[in-house]
PDB file of N, CA and C in Angstrom:
ATOM      1  N   ASP A   1     132.394  96.995 104.049  1.00  0.00           N
ATOM      2  CA  ASP A   1     132.074  98.039 103.086  1.00  0.00           C
ATOM      3  C   ASP A   1     130.908  98.863 103.648  1.00  0.00           C
ATOM      4  N   PHE A   2     131.097 100.161 103.717  1.00  0.00           N
ATOM      5  CA  PHE A   2     130.106 101.057 104.311  1.00  0.00           C
ATOM      6  C   PHE A   2     128.771 100.988 103.582  1.00  0.00           C
ATOM      7  N   ASP A   3     128.785 101.011 102.237  1.00  0.00           N
ATOM      8  CA  ASP A   3     127.533 100.993 101.477  1.00  0.00           C
ATOM      9  C   ASP A   3     126.756  99.710 101.713  1.00  0.00           C
ATOM     10  N   ALA A   4     127.439  98.589 101.736  1.00  0.00           N
ATOM     11  CA  ALA A   4     126.759  97.312 101.976  1.00  0.00           C
ATOM     12  C   ALA A   4     126.132  97.294 103.367  1.00  0.00           C
ATOM     13  N   GLU A   5     126.828  97.835 104.352  1.00  0.00           N
ATOM     14  CA  GLU A   5     126.298  97.880 105.713  1.00  0.00           C
ATOM     15  C   GLU A   5     125.087  98.811 105.795  1.00  0.00           C
ATOM     16  N   ALA A   6     125.143  99.937 105.104  1.00  0.00           N
ATOM     17  CA  ALA A   6     124.006 100.865 105.092  1.00  0.00           C
ATOM     18  C   ALA A   6     122.784 100.221 104.456  1.00  0.00           C
ATOM     19  N   VAL A   7     122.971  99.511 103.361  1.00  0.00           N
ATOM     20  CA  VAL A   7     121.859  98.823 102.693  1.00  0.00           C
ATOM     21  C   VAL A   7     121.288  97.760 103.612  1.00  0.00           C
ATOM     22  N   ARG A   8     122.152  97.012 104.294  1.00  0.00           N
ATOM     23  CA  ARG A   8     121.679  95.969 105.219  1.00  0.00           C
ATOM     24  C   ARG A   8     120.839  96.598 106.325  1.00  0.00           C
ATOM     25  N   ARG A   9     121.290  97.704 106.903  1.00  0.00           N
ATOM     26  CA  ARG A   9     120.543  98.365 107.969  1.00  0.00           C
ATOM     27  C   ARG A   9     119.188  98.859 107.489  1.00  0.00           C
ATOM     28  N   LEU A  10     119.137  99.390 106.295  1.00  0.00           N
ATOM     29  CA  LEU A  10     117.880  99.925 105.768  1.00  0.00           C
ATOM     30  C   LEU A  10     116.894  98.825 105.409  1.00  0.00           C
ATOM     31  N   ALA A  11     117.403  97.665 105.004  1.00  0.00           N
ATOM     32  CA  ALA A  11     116.531  96.589 104.537  1.00  0.00           C
ATOM     33  C   ALA A  11     116.242  95.545 105.607  1.00  0.00           C
ATOM     34  N   CYS A  12     116.845  95.644 106.766  1.00  0.00           N
ATOM     35  CA  CYS A  12     116.704  94.579 107.761  1.00  0.00           C
ATOM     36  C   CYS A  12     115.264  94.496 108.262  1.00  0.00           C
ATOM     37  N   ASN A  13     114.903  93.291 108.675  1.00  0.00           N
ATOM     38  CA  ASN A  13     113.613  93.114 109.313  1.00  0.00           C
ATOM     39  C   ASN A  13     113.842  93.058 110.822  1.00  0.00           C
ATOM     40  N   MET A  14     112.822  92.847 111.577  1.00  0.00           N
ATOM     41  CA  MET A  14     112.945  92.880 113.029  1.00  0.00           C
ATOM     42  C   MET A  14     113.899  91.807 113.539  1.00  0.00           C
ATOM     43  N   SER A  15     113.894  90.631 112.917  1.00  0.00           N
ATOM     44  CA  SER A  15     114.762  89.545 113.359  1.00  0.00           C
ATOM     45  C   SER A  15     116.228  89.870 113.149  1.00  0.00           C
ATOM     46  N   ASP A  16     116.518  90.686 112.133  1.00  0.00           N
ATOM     47  CA  ASP A  16     117.894  91.033 111.808  1.00  0.00           C
ATOM     48  C   ASP A  16     118.396  92.254 112.567  1.00  0.00           C
ATOM     49  N   ALA A  17     117.517  92.999 113.169  1.00  0.00           N
ATOM     50  CA  ALA A  17     117.900  94.259 113.808  1.00  0.00           C
ATOM     51  C   ALA A  17     118.859  94.000 114.961  1.00  0.00           C
ATOM     52  N   CYS A  18     119.965  94.716 114.948  1.00  0.00           N
ATOM     53  CA  CYS A  18     120.984  94.562 115.980  1.00  0.00           C
ATOM     54  C   CYS A  18     120.890  95.638 117.055  1.00  0.00           C
ATOM     55  N   THR A  19     120.258  96.740 116.720  1.00  0.00           N
ATOM     56  CA  THR A  19     120.162  97.848 117.663  1.00  0.00           C
ATOM     57  C   THR A  19     118.707  98.300 117.768  1.00  0.00           C
ATOM     58  N   PRO A  20     118.367  98.987 118.836  1.00  0.00           N
ATOM     59  CA  PRO A  20     117.001  99.514 118.945  1.00  0.00           C
ATOM     60  C   PRO A  20     116.627 100.449 117.790  1.00  0.00           C
ATOM     61  N   SER A  21     117.577 101.236 117.303  1.00  0.00           N
ATOM     62  CA  SER A  21     117.245 102.150 116.203  1.00  0.00           C
ATOM     63  C   SER A  21     116.974 101.379 114.911  1.00  0.00           C
ATOM     64  N   GLU A  22     117.683 100.277 114.667  1.00  0.00           N
ATOM     65  CA  GLU A  22     117.396  99.434 113.499  1.00  0.00           C
ATOM     66  C   GLU A  22     116.015  98.806 113.633  1.00  0.00           C
ATOM     67  N   ALA A  23     115.679  98.364 114.837  1.00  0.00           N
ATOM     68  CA  ALA A  23     114.361  97.766 115.079  1.00  0.00           C
ATOM     69  C   ALA A  23     113.260  98.797 114.862  1.00  0.00           C
ATOM     70  N   GLU A  24     113.473 100.015 115.335  1.00  0.00           N
ATOM     71  CA  GLU A  24     112.477 101.077 115.152  1.00  0.00           C
ATOM     72  C   GLU A  24     112.291 101.392 113.669  1.00  0.00           C
ATOM     73  N   ARG A  25     113.382 101.463 112.918  1.00  0.00           N
ATOM     74  CA  ARG A  25     113.275 101.730 111.472  1.00  0.00           C
ATOM     75  C   ARG A  25     112.506 100.613 110.769  1.00  0.00           C
ATOM     76  N   ALA A  26     112.781  99.364 111.146  1.00  0.00           N
ATOM     77  CA  ALA A  26     112.069  98.238 110.540  1.00  0.00           C
ATOM     78  C   ALA A  26     110.578  98.329 110.862  1.00  0.00           C
ATOM     79  N   TYR A  27     110.240  98.664 112.108  1.00  0.00           N
ATOM     80  CA  TYR A  27     108.838  98.784 112.503  1.00  0.00           C
ATOM     81  C   TYR A  27     108.138  99.890 111.714  1.00  0.00           C
ATOM     82  N   VAL A  28     108.800 101.017 111.570  1.00  0.00           N
ATOM     83  CA  VAL A  28     108.213 102.139 110.822  1.00  0.00           C
ATOM     84  C   VAL A  28     107.983 101.732 109.366  1.00  0.00           C
ATOM     85  N   ARG A  29     108.914 100.990 108.778  1.00  0.00           N
ATOM     86  CA  ARG A  29     108.719 100.514 107.397  1.00  0.00           C
ATOM     87  C   ARG A  29     107.501  99.602 107.300  1.00  0.00           C
ATOM     88  N   TYR A  30     107.376  98.677 108.241  1.00  0.00           N
ATOM     89  CA  TYR A  30     106.208  97.794 108.253  1.00  0.00           C
ATOM     90  C   TYR A  30     104.919  98.612 108.369  1.00  0.00           C
ATOM     91  N   PHE A  31     104.923  99.562 109.297  1.00  0.00           N
ATOM     92  CA  PHE A  31     103.712 100.338 109.538  1.00  0.00           C
ATOM     93  C   PHE A  31     103.326 101.157 108.308  1.00  0.00           C
ATOM     94  N   LYS A  32     104.291 101.767 107.657  1.00  0.00           N
ATOM     95  CA  LYS A  32     103.995 102.561 106.461  1.00  0.00           C
ATOM     96  C   LYS A  32     103.454 101.682 105.347  1.00  0.00           C
ATOM     97  N   ARG A  33     104.004 100.499 105.176  1.00  0.00           N
ATOM     98  CA  ARG A  33     103.467  99.575 104.172  1.00  0.00           C
ATOM     99  C   ARG A  33     102.051  99.152 104.535  1.00  0.00           C
ATOM    100  N   ALA A  34     101.804  98.924 105.813  1.00  0.00           N
ATOM    101  CA  ALA A  34     100.488  98.457 106.263  1.00  0.00           C
ATOM    102  C   ALA A  34      99.404  99.504 106.046  1.00  0.00           C
ATOM    103  N   GLU A  35      99.768 100.787 106.096  1.00  0.00           N
ATOM    104  CA  GLU A  35      98.781 101.851 105.907  1.00  0.00           C
ATOM    105  C   GLU A  35      98.135 101.811 104.524  1.00  0.00           C
ATOM    106  N   ASN A  36      98.819 101.254 103.552  1.00  0.00           N
ATOM    107  CA  ASN A  36      98.314 101.230 102.179  1.00  0.00           C
ATOM    108  C   ASN A  36      97.582  99.943 101.823  1.00  0.00           C
ATOM    109  N   GLU A  37      97.382  99.075 102.785  1.00  0.00           N
ATOM    110  CA  GLU A  37      96.752  97.778 102.523  1.00  0.00           C
ATOM    111  C   GLU A  37      95.282  97.787 102.935  1.00  0.00           C
ATOM    112  N   ASP A  38      94.506  96.956 102.261  1.00  0.00           N
ATOM    113  CA  ASP A  38      93.096  96.769 102.603  1.00  0.00           C
ATOM    114  C   ASP A  38      92.973  95.468 103.386  1.00  0.00           C
ATOM    115  N   PHE A  39      92.660  95.560 104.649  1.00  0.00           N
ATOM    116  CA  PHE A  39      92.613  94.386 105.521  1.00  0.00           C
ATOM    117  C   PHE A  39      91.200  94.047 105.976  1.00  0.00           C
ATOM    118  N   ARG A  40      90.198  94.457 105.223  1.00  0.00           N
ATOM    119  CA  ARG A  40      88.817  94.170 105.638  1.00  0.00           C
ATOM    120  C   ARG A  40      88.562  92.673 105.786  1.00  0.00           C
ATOM    121  N   GLU A  41      89.170  91.868 104.909  1.00  0.00           N
ATOM    122  CA  GLU A  41      88.987  90.407 105.002  1.00  0.00           C
ATOM    123  C   GLU A  41      89.536  89.876 106.326  1.00  0.00           C
ATOM    124  N   PHE A  42      90.706  90.352 106.728  1.00  0.00           N
ATOM    125  CA  PHE A  42      91.294  89.917 107.996  1.00  0.00           C
ATOM    126  C   PHE A  42      90.469  90.419 109.178  1.00  0.00           C
ATOM    127  N   ASP A  43      90.000  91.660 109.104  1.00  0.00           N
ATOM    128  CA  ASP A  43      89.168  92.203 110.179  1.00  0.00           C
ATOM    129  C   ASP A  43      87.921  91.353 110.380  1.00  0.00           C
ATOM    130  N   ALA A  44      87.325  90.898 109.288  1.00  0.00           N
ATOM    131  CA  ALA A  44      86.097  90.098 109.373  1.00  0.00           C
ATOM    132  C   ALA A  44      86.339  88.754 110.062  1.00  0.00           C
ATOM    133  N   LEU A  45      87.538  88.213 109.947  1.00  0.00           N
ATOM    134  CA  LEU A  45      87.845  86.923 110.569  1.00  0.00           C
ATOM    135  C   LEU A  45      87.972  87.013 112.086  1.00  0.00           C
ATOM    136  N   ARG A  46      88.341  88.168 112.584  1.00  0.00           N
ATOM    137  CA  ARG A  46      88.543  88.376 114.020  1.00  0.00           C
ATOM    138  C   ARG A  46      89.447  87.327 114.655  1.00  0.00           C
ATOM    139  N   PHE A  47      90.543  86.988 113.968  1.00  0.00           N
ATOM    140  CA  PHE A  47      91.471  86.004 114.512  1.00  0.00           C
ATOM    141  C   PHE A  47      92.418  86.626 115.543  1.00  0.00           C
ATOM    142  N   VAL A  48      92.459  87.951 115.588  1.00  0.00           N
ATOM    143  CA  VAL A  48      93.222  88.644 116.622  1.00  0.00           C
ATOM    144  C   VAL A  48      92.371  89.812 117.113  1.00  0.00           C
ATOM    145  N   TYR A  49      92.290  89.944 118.436  1.00  0.00           N
ATOM    146  CA  TYR A  49      91.515  91.041 118.994  1.00  0.00           C
ATOM    147  C   TYR A  49      92.045  91.383 120.383  1.00  0.00           C
ATOM    148  N   VAL A  50      91.680  92.552 120.842  1.00  0.00           N
ATOM    149  CA  VAL A  50      92.114  93.048 122.146  1.00  0.00           C
ATOM    150  C   VAL A  50      90.848  93.269 122.976  1.00  0.00           C
ATOM    151  N   PRO A  51      90.516  92.299 123.849  1.00  0.00           N
ATOM    152  CA  PRO A  51      89.262  92.400 124.602  1.00  0.00           C
ATOM    153  C   PRO A  51      89.302  93.331 125.806  1.00  0.00           C
ATOM    154  N   GLY A  52      90.485  93.747 126.207  1.00  0.00           N
ATOM    155  CA  GLY A  52      90.570  94.632 127.375  1.00  0.00           C
ATOM    156  C   GLY A  52      91.930  94.540 128.022  1.00  0.00           C
ATOM    157  N   LYS A  53      91.948  94.744 129.345  1.00  0.00           N
ATOM    158  CA  LYS A  53      93.205  94.744 130.095  1.00  0.00           C
ATOM    159  C   LYS A  53      93.141  93.725 131.221  1.00  0.00           C
ATOM    160  N   ASP A  54      94.327  93.258 131.630  1.00  0.00           N
ATOM    161  CA  ASP A  54      94.379  92.337 132.755  1.00  0.00           C
ATOM    162  C   ASP A  54      94.408  93.123 134.064  1.00  0.00           C
ATOM    163  N   ASP A  55      94.526  92.421 135.193  1.00  0.00           N
ATOM    164  CA  ASP A  55      94.476  93.100 136.491  1.00  0.00           C
ATOM    165  C   ASP A  55      95.703  93.965 136.778  1.00  0.00           C
ATOM    166  N   GLN A  56      96.728  93.870 135.910  1.00  0.00           N
ATOM    167  CA  GLN A  56      97.913  94.722 136.063  1.00  0.00           C
ATOM    168  C   GLN A  56      97.913  95.871 135.056  1.00  0.00           C
ATOM    169  N   GLY A  57      96.802  96.021 134.338  1.00  0.00           N
ATOM    170  CA  GLY A  57      96.660  97.128 133.406  1.00  0.00           C
ATOM    171  C   GLY A  57      97.274  96.902 132.034  1.00  0.00           C
ATOM    172  N   ARG A  58      97.730  95.676 131.760  1.00  0.00           N
ATOM    173  CA  ARG A  58      98.307  95.367 130.447  1.00  0.00           C
ATOM    174  C   ARG A  58      97.201  94.978 129.473  1.00  0.00           C
ATOM    175  N   SER A  59      97.343  95.413 128.240  1.00  0.00           N
ATOM    176  CA  SER A  59      96.380  95.008 127.209  1.00  0.00           C
ATOM    177  C   SER A  59      96.498  93.510 126.976  1.00  0.00           C
ATOM    178  N   ILE A  60      95.369  92.875 126.729  1.00  0.00           N
ATOM    179  CA  ILE A  60      95.330  91.444 126.415  1.00  0.00           C
ATOM    180  C   ILE A  60      95.122  91.311 124.917  1.00  0.00           C
ATOM    181  N   VAL A  61      96.027  90.616 124.251  1.00  0.00           N
ATOM    182  CA  VAL A  61      95.930  90.364 122.816  1.00  0.00           C
ATOM    183  C   VAL A  61      95.620  88.881 122.643  1.00  0.00           C
ATOM    184  N   VAL A  62      94.498  88.568 122.007  1.00  0.00           N
ATOM    185  CA  VAL A  62      94.076  87.186 121.821  1.00  0.00           C
ATOM    186  C   VAL A  62      94.244  86.798 120.360  1.00  0.00           C
ATOM    187  N   PHE A  63      94.938  85.689 120.127  1.00  0.00           N
ATOM    188  CA  PHE A  63      95.064  85.094 118.795  1.00  0.00           C
ATOM    189  C   PHE A  63      94.271  83.802 118.793  1.00  0.00           C
ATOM    190  N   SER A  64      93.272  83.722 117.943  1.00  0.00           N
ATOM    191  CA  SER A  64      92.493  82.503 117.795  1.00  0.00           C
ATOM    192  C   SER A  64      93.013  81.752 116.579  1.00  0.00           C
ATOM    193  N   CYS A  65      93.814  80.730 116.838  1.00  0.00           N
ATOM    194  CA  CYS A  65      94.443  79.990 115.741  1.00  0.00           C
ATOM    195  C   CYS A  65      93.420  79.269 114.864  1.00  0.00           C
ATOM    196  N   ALA A  66      92.255  78.946 115.418  1.00  0.00           N
ATOM    197  CA  ALA A  66      91.219  78.290 114.620  1.00  0.00           C
ATOM    198  C   ALA A  66      90.695  79.215 113.522  1.00  0.00           C
ATOM    199  N   LEU A  67      90.802  80.512 113.730  1.00  0.00           N
ATOM    200  CA  LEU A  67      90.304  81.488 112.754  1.00  0.00           C
ATOM    201  C   LEU A  67      91.428  82.073 111.894  1.00  0.00           C
ATOM    202  N   PHE A  68      92.648  81.633 112.130  1.00  0.00           N
ATOM    203  CA  PHE A  68      93.807  82.178 111.430  1.00  0.00           C
ATOM    204  C   PHE A  68      93.692  81.942 109.931  1.00  0.00           C
ATOM    205  N   PRO A  69      93.908  82.971 109.109  1.00  0.00           N
ATOM    206  CA  PRO A  69      93.763  82.829 107.654  1.00  0.00           C
ATOM    207  C   PRO A  69      94.948  82.077 107.032  1.00  0.00           C
ATOM    208  N   GLY A  70      94.807  80.774 106.877  1.00  0.00           N
ATOM    209  CA  GLY A  70      95.891  79.948 106.353  1.00  0.00           C
ATOM    210  C   GLY A  70      96.289  80.268 104.929  1.00  0.00           C
ATOM    211  N   HIS A  71      95.415  80.928 104.173  1.00  0.00           N
ATOM    212  CA  HIS A  71      95.687  81.236 102.768  1.00  0.00           C
ATOM    213  C   HIS A  71      96.553  82.479 102.590  1.00  0.00           C
ATOM    214  N   ALA A  72      96.702  83.278 103.632  1.00  0.00           N
ATOM    215  CA  ALA A  72      97.409  84.555 103.517  1.00  0.00           C
ATOM    216  C   ALA A  72      98.916  84.353 103.627  1.00  0.00           C
ATOM    217  N   SER A  73      99.657  85.234 103.007  1.00  0.00           N
ATOM    218  CA  SER A  73     101.118  85.162 103.096  1.00  0.00           C
ATOM    219  C   SER A  73     101.571  85.690 104.449  1.00  0.00           C
ATOM    220  N   ALA A  74     102.738  85.254 104.866  1.00  0.00           N
ATOM    221  CA  ALA A  74     103.302  85.725 106.129  1.00  0.00           C
ATOM    222  C   ALA A  74     103.493  87.238 106.091  1.00  0.00           C
ATOM    223  N   ASP A  75     103.869  87.771 104.930  1.00  0.00           N
ATOM    224  CA  ASP A  75     104.077  89.208 104.792  1.00  0.00           C
ATOM    225  C   ASP A  75     102.761  89.968 105.015  1.00  0.00           C
ATOM    226  N   GLN A  76     101.672  89.503 104.402  1.00  0.00           N
ATOM    227  CA  GLN A  76     100.367  90.152 104.582  1.00  0.00           C
ATOM    228  C   GLN A  76      99.948  90.124 106.046  1.00  0.00           C
ATOM    229  N   LEU A  77     100.126  88.972 106.671  1.00  0.00           N
ATOM    230  CA  LEU A  77      99.733  88.827 108.064  1.00  0.00           C
ATOM    231  C   LEU A  77     100.553  89.727 108.980  1.00  0.00           C
ATOM    232  N   LEU A  78     101.845  89.794 108.723  1.00  0.00           N
ATOM    233  CA  LEU A  78     102.697  90.644 109.539  1.00  0.00           C
ATOM    234  C   LEU A  78     102.281  92.109 109.423  1.00  0.00           C
ATOM    235  N   LEU A  79     102.015  92.551 108.201  1.00  0.00           N
ATOM    236  CA  LEU A  79     101.583  93.934 108.011  1.00  0.00           C
ATOM    237  C   LEU A  79     100.257  94.189 108.723  1.00  0.00           C
ATOM    238  N   TYR A  80      99.336  93.243 108.624  1.00  0.00           N
ATOM    239  CA  TYR A  80      98.053  93.392 109.307  1.00  0.00           C
ATOM    240  C   TYR A  80      98.244  93.493 110.819  1.00  0.00           C
ATOM    241  N   LEU A  81      99.062  92.614 111.359  1.00  0.00           N
ATOM    242  CA  LEU A  81      99.262  92.600 112.801  1.00  0.00           C
ATOM    243  C   LEU A  81      99.966  93.861 113.287  1.00  0.00           C
ATOM    244  N   VAL A  82     100.896  94.374 112.498  1.00  0.00           N
ATOM    245  CA  VAL A  82     101.549  95.624 112.871  1.00  0.00           C
ATOM    246  C   VAL A  82     100.526  96.742 112.944  1.00  0.00           C
ATOM    247  N   ARG A  83      99.674  96.837 111.933  1.00  0.00           N
ATOM    248  CA  ARG A  83      98.670  97.905 111.947  1.00  0.00           C
ATOM    249  C   ARG A  83      97.635  97.700 113.048  1.00  0.00           C
ATOM    250  N   LYS A  84      97.178  96.491 113.203  1.00  0.00           N
ATOM    251  CA  LYS A  84      96.139  96.194 114.193  1.00  0.00           C
ATOM    252  C   LYS A  84      96.635  96.408 115.626  1.00  0.00           C
ATOM    253  N   LEU A  85      97.872  96.023 115.881  1.00  0.00           N
ATOM    254  CA  LEU A  85      98.372  96.045 117.248  1.00  0.00           C
ATOM    255  C   LEU A  85      99.223  97.270 117.585  1.00  0.00           C
ATOM    256  N   ASP A  86      99.375  98.183 116.638  1.00  0.00           N
ATOM    257  CA  ASP A  86     100.205  99.356 116.896  1.00  0.00           C
ATOM    258  C   ASP A  86      99.797 100.109 118.159  1.00  0.00           C
ATOM    259  N   PRO A  87      98.500 100.305 118.413  1.00  0.00           N
ATOM    260  CA  PRO A  87      98.138 101.034 119.634  1.00  0.00           C
ATOM    261  C   PRO A  87      98.500 100.281 120.916  1.00  0.00           C
ATOM    262  N   VAL A  88      98.738  98.976 120.810  1.00  0.00           N
ATOM    263  CA  VAL A  88      98.973  98.135 121.983  1.00  0.00           C
ATOM    264  C   VAL A  88     100.458  97.932 122.273  1.00  0.00           C
ATOM    265  N   VAL A  89     101.268  97.745 121.254  1.00  0.00           N
ATOM    266  CA  VAL A  89     102.631  97.253 121.450  1.00  0.00           C
ATOM    267  C   VAL A  89     103.613  98.259 122.031  1.00  0.00           C
ATOM    268  N   ARG A  90     103.230  99.485 122.137  1.00  0.00           N
ATOM    269  CA  ARG A  90     104.143 100.483 122.715  1.00  0.00           C
ATOM    270  C   ARG A  90     104.105 100.469 124.238  1.00  0.00           C
ATOM    271  N   GLN A  91     103.214  99.674 124.790  1.00  0.00           N
ATOM    272  CA  GLN A  91     103.115  99.501 126.238  1.00  0.00           C
ATOM    273  C   GLN A  91     103.162  98.013 126.526  1.00  0.00           C
ATOM    274  N   LYS A  92     103.188  97.659 127.782  1.00  0.00           N
ATOM    275  CA  LYS A  92     103.214  96.240 128.157  1.00  0.00           C
ATOM    276  C   LYS A  92     101.889  95.591 127.777  1.00  0.00           C
ATOM    277  N   TYR A  93     101.981  94.338 127.319  1.00  0.00           N
ATOM    278  CA  TYR A  93     100.780  93.590 126.949  1.00  0.00           C
ATOM    279  C   TYR A  93     101.046  92.108 127.137  1.00  0.00           C
ATOM    280  N   VAL A  94      99.976  91.325 127.144  1.00  0.00           N
ATOM    281  CA  VAL A  94     100.084  89.873 127.226  1.00  0.00           C
ATOM    282  C   VAL A  94      99.413  89.278 125.992  1.00  0.00           C
ATOM    283  N   ILE A  95      99.904  88.127 125.581  1.00  0.00           N
ATOM    284  CA  ILE A  95      99.343  87.431 124.423  1.00  0.00           C
ATOM    285  C   ILE A  95      98.725  86.130 124.890  1.00  0.00           C
ATOM    286  N   VAL A  96      97.511  85.881 124.446  1.00  0.00           N
ATOM    287  CA  VAL A  96      96.821  84.626 124.714  1.00  0.00           C
ATOM    288  C   VAL A  96      96.641  83.925 123.377  1.00  0.00           C
ATOM    289  N   LEU A  97      97.178  82.712 123.255  1.00  0.00           N
ATOM    290  CA  LEU A  97      97.014  81.917 122.036  1.00  0.00           C
ATOM    291  C   LEU A  97      95.954  80.863 122.287  1.00  0.00           C
ATOM    292  N   LEU A  98      94.921  80.848 121.461  1.00  0.00           N
ATOM    293  CA  LEU A  98      93.858  79.852 121.564  1.00  0.00           C
ATOM    294  C   LEU A  98      94.042  78.829 120.445  1.00  0.00           C
ATOM    295  N   TYR A  99      94.269  77.591 120.817  1.00  0.00           N
ATOM    296  CA  TYR A  99      94.482  76.540 119.824  1.00  0.00           C
ATOM    297  C   TYR A  99      93.256  75.647 119.633  1.00  0.00           C
ATOM    298  N   ALA A 100      92.225  75.803 120.439  1.00  0.00           N
ATOM    299  CA  ALA A 100      91.038  74.956 120.361  1.00  0.00           C
ATOM    300  C   ALA A 100      90.392  75.051 118.987  1.00  0.00           C
ATOM    301  N   GLY A 101      90.092  73.911 118.392  1.00  0.00           N
ATOM    302  CA  GLY A 101      89.412  73.860 117.099  1.00  0.00           C
ATOM    303  C   GLY A 101      90.287  74.240 115.926  1.00  0.00           C
ATOM    304  N   MET A 102      91.584  74.262 116.131  1.00  0.00           N
ATOM    305  CA  MET A 102      92.504  74.716 115.090  1.00  0.00           C
ATOM    306  C   MET A 102      92.644  73.687 113.977  1.00  0.00           C
ATOM    307  N   ASN A 103      92.611  74.183 112.741  1.00  0.00           N
ATOM    308  CA  ASN A 103      92.877  73.365 111.566  1.00  0.00           C
ATOM    309  C   ASN A 103      94.388  73.291 111.387  1.00  0.00           C
ATOM    310  N   PRO A 104      94.984  72.097 111.315  1.00  0.00           N
ATOM    311  CA  PRO A 104      96.440  71.991 111.165  1.00  0.00           C
ATOM    312  C   PRO A 104      96.975  72.716 109.931  1.00  0.00           C
ATOM    313  N   ASP A 105      96.141  72.912 108.921  1.00  0.00           N
ATOM    314  CA  ASP A 105      96.579  73.624 107.718  1.00  0.00           C
ATOM    315  C   ASP A 105      96.665  75.129 107.937  1.00  0.00           C
ATOM    316  N   ALA A 106      96.104  75.617 109.019  1.00  0.00           N
ATOM    317  CA  ALA A 106      96.071  77.056 109.274  1.00  0.00           C
ATOM    318  C   ALA A 106      97.081  77.492 110.332  1.00  0.00           C
ATOM    319  N   ILE A 107      98.044  76.627 110.627  1.00  0.00           N
ATOM    320  CA  ILE A 107      99.058  76.981 111.623  1.00  0.00           C
ATOM    321  C   ILE A 107      99.857  78.177 111.121  1.00  0.00           C
ATOM    322  N   PRO A 108     100.002  79.204 111.941  1.00  0.00           N
ATOM    323  CA  PRO A 108     100.782  80.372 111.505  1.00  0.00           C
ATOM    324  C   PRO A 108     102.217  79.976 111.182  1.00  0.00           C
ATOM    325  N   PRO A 109     102.780  80.530 110.117  1.00  0.00           N
ATOM    326  CA  PRO A 109     104.169  80.207 109.758  1.00  0.00           C
ATOM    327  C   PRO A 109     105.125  80.626 110.876  1.00  0.00           C
ATOM    328  N   ILE A 110     106.115  79.790 111.156  1.00  0.00           N
ATOM    329  CA  ILE A 110     107.062  80.076 112.229  1.00  0.00           C
ATOM    330  C   ILE A 110     107.804  81.381 111.989  1.00  0.00           C
ATOM    331  N   GLU A 111     108.061  81.711 110.723  1.00  0.00           N
ATOM    332  CA  GLU A 111     108.745  82.969 110.413  1.00  0.00           C
ATOM    333  C   GLU A 111     107.918  84.161 110.882  1.00  0.00           C
ATOM    334  N   LEU A 112     106.604  84.061 110.696  1.00  0.00           N
ATOM    335  CA  LEU A 112     105.712  85.130 111.134  1.00  0.00           C
ATOM    336  C   LEU A 112     105.757  85.280 112.646  1.00  0.00           C
ATOM    337  N   LEU A 113     105.668  84.168 113.345  1.00  0.00           N
ATOM    338  CA  LEU A 113     105.674  84.222 114.805  1.00  0.00           C
ATOM    339  C   LEU A 113     107.002  84.769 115.325  1.00  0.00           C
ATOM    340  N   ARG A 114     108.096  84.379 114.688  1.00  0.00           N
ATOM    341  CA  ARG A 114     109.411  84.873 115.095  1.00  0.00           C
ATOM    342  C   ARG A 114     109.498  86.395 114.886  1.00  0.00           C
ATOM    343  N   GLU A 115     109.063  86.847 113.719  1.00  0.00           N
ATOM    344  CA  GLU A 115     109.117  88.276 113.419  1.00  0.00           C
ATOM    345  C   GLU A 115     108.180  89.056 114.339  1.00  0.00           C
ATOM    346  N   LEU A 116     107.003  88.524 114.581  1.00  0.00           N
ATOM    347  CA  LEU A 116     106.046  89.184 115.469  1.00  0.00           C
ATOM    348  C   LEU A 116     106.602  89.284 116.883  1.00  0.00           C
ATOM    349  N   TYR A 117     107.258  88.232 117.324  1.00  0.00           N
ATOM    350  CA  TYR A 117     107.858  88.253 118.669  1.00  0.00           C
ATOM    351  C   TYR A 117     108.891  89.366 118.776  1.00  0.00           C
ATOM    352  N   GLN A 118     109.666  89.567 117.720  1.00  0.00           N
ATOM    353  CA  GLN A 118     110.691  90.601 117.733  1.00  0.00           C
ATOM    354  C   GLN A 118     110.092  92.014 117.786  1.00  0.00           C
ATOM    355  N   ILE A 119     108.917  92.174 117.216  1.00  0.00           N
ATOM    356  CA  ILE A 119     108.279  93.485 117.201  1.00  0.00           C
ATOM    357  C   ILE A 119     107.893  93.852 118.616  1.00  0.00           C
TER     358      ILE A 119
END
């Protein structure tokens, strides 16, 4: 059914995207939602930051799992990460995950990591 397929394409998230254009639409939806959010609490935690570039010119994105906000929803975190990393993700980058001192209760939800990987 054409209408059902159109609704699926419009509502899909990054994990569901079958084509680059579906993925781009999902990203734009995330970004527009993120623009209306107040993320000062997440900014203060500094659980994700970009300290510079590696020797190949790629941005380095550091996730400190010990500082990860375990109380936040996966949706809030995804929106924050989309907004925070938008200047970085359009080019090549590397991710560094720091697990030292991590509280087991603050482990990022697997759904979040899967969706973030797709972005």
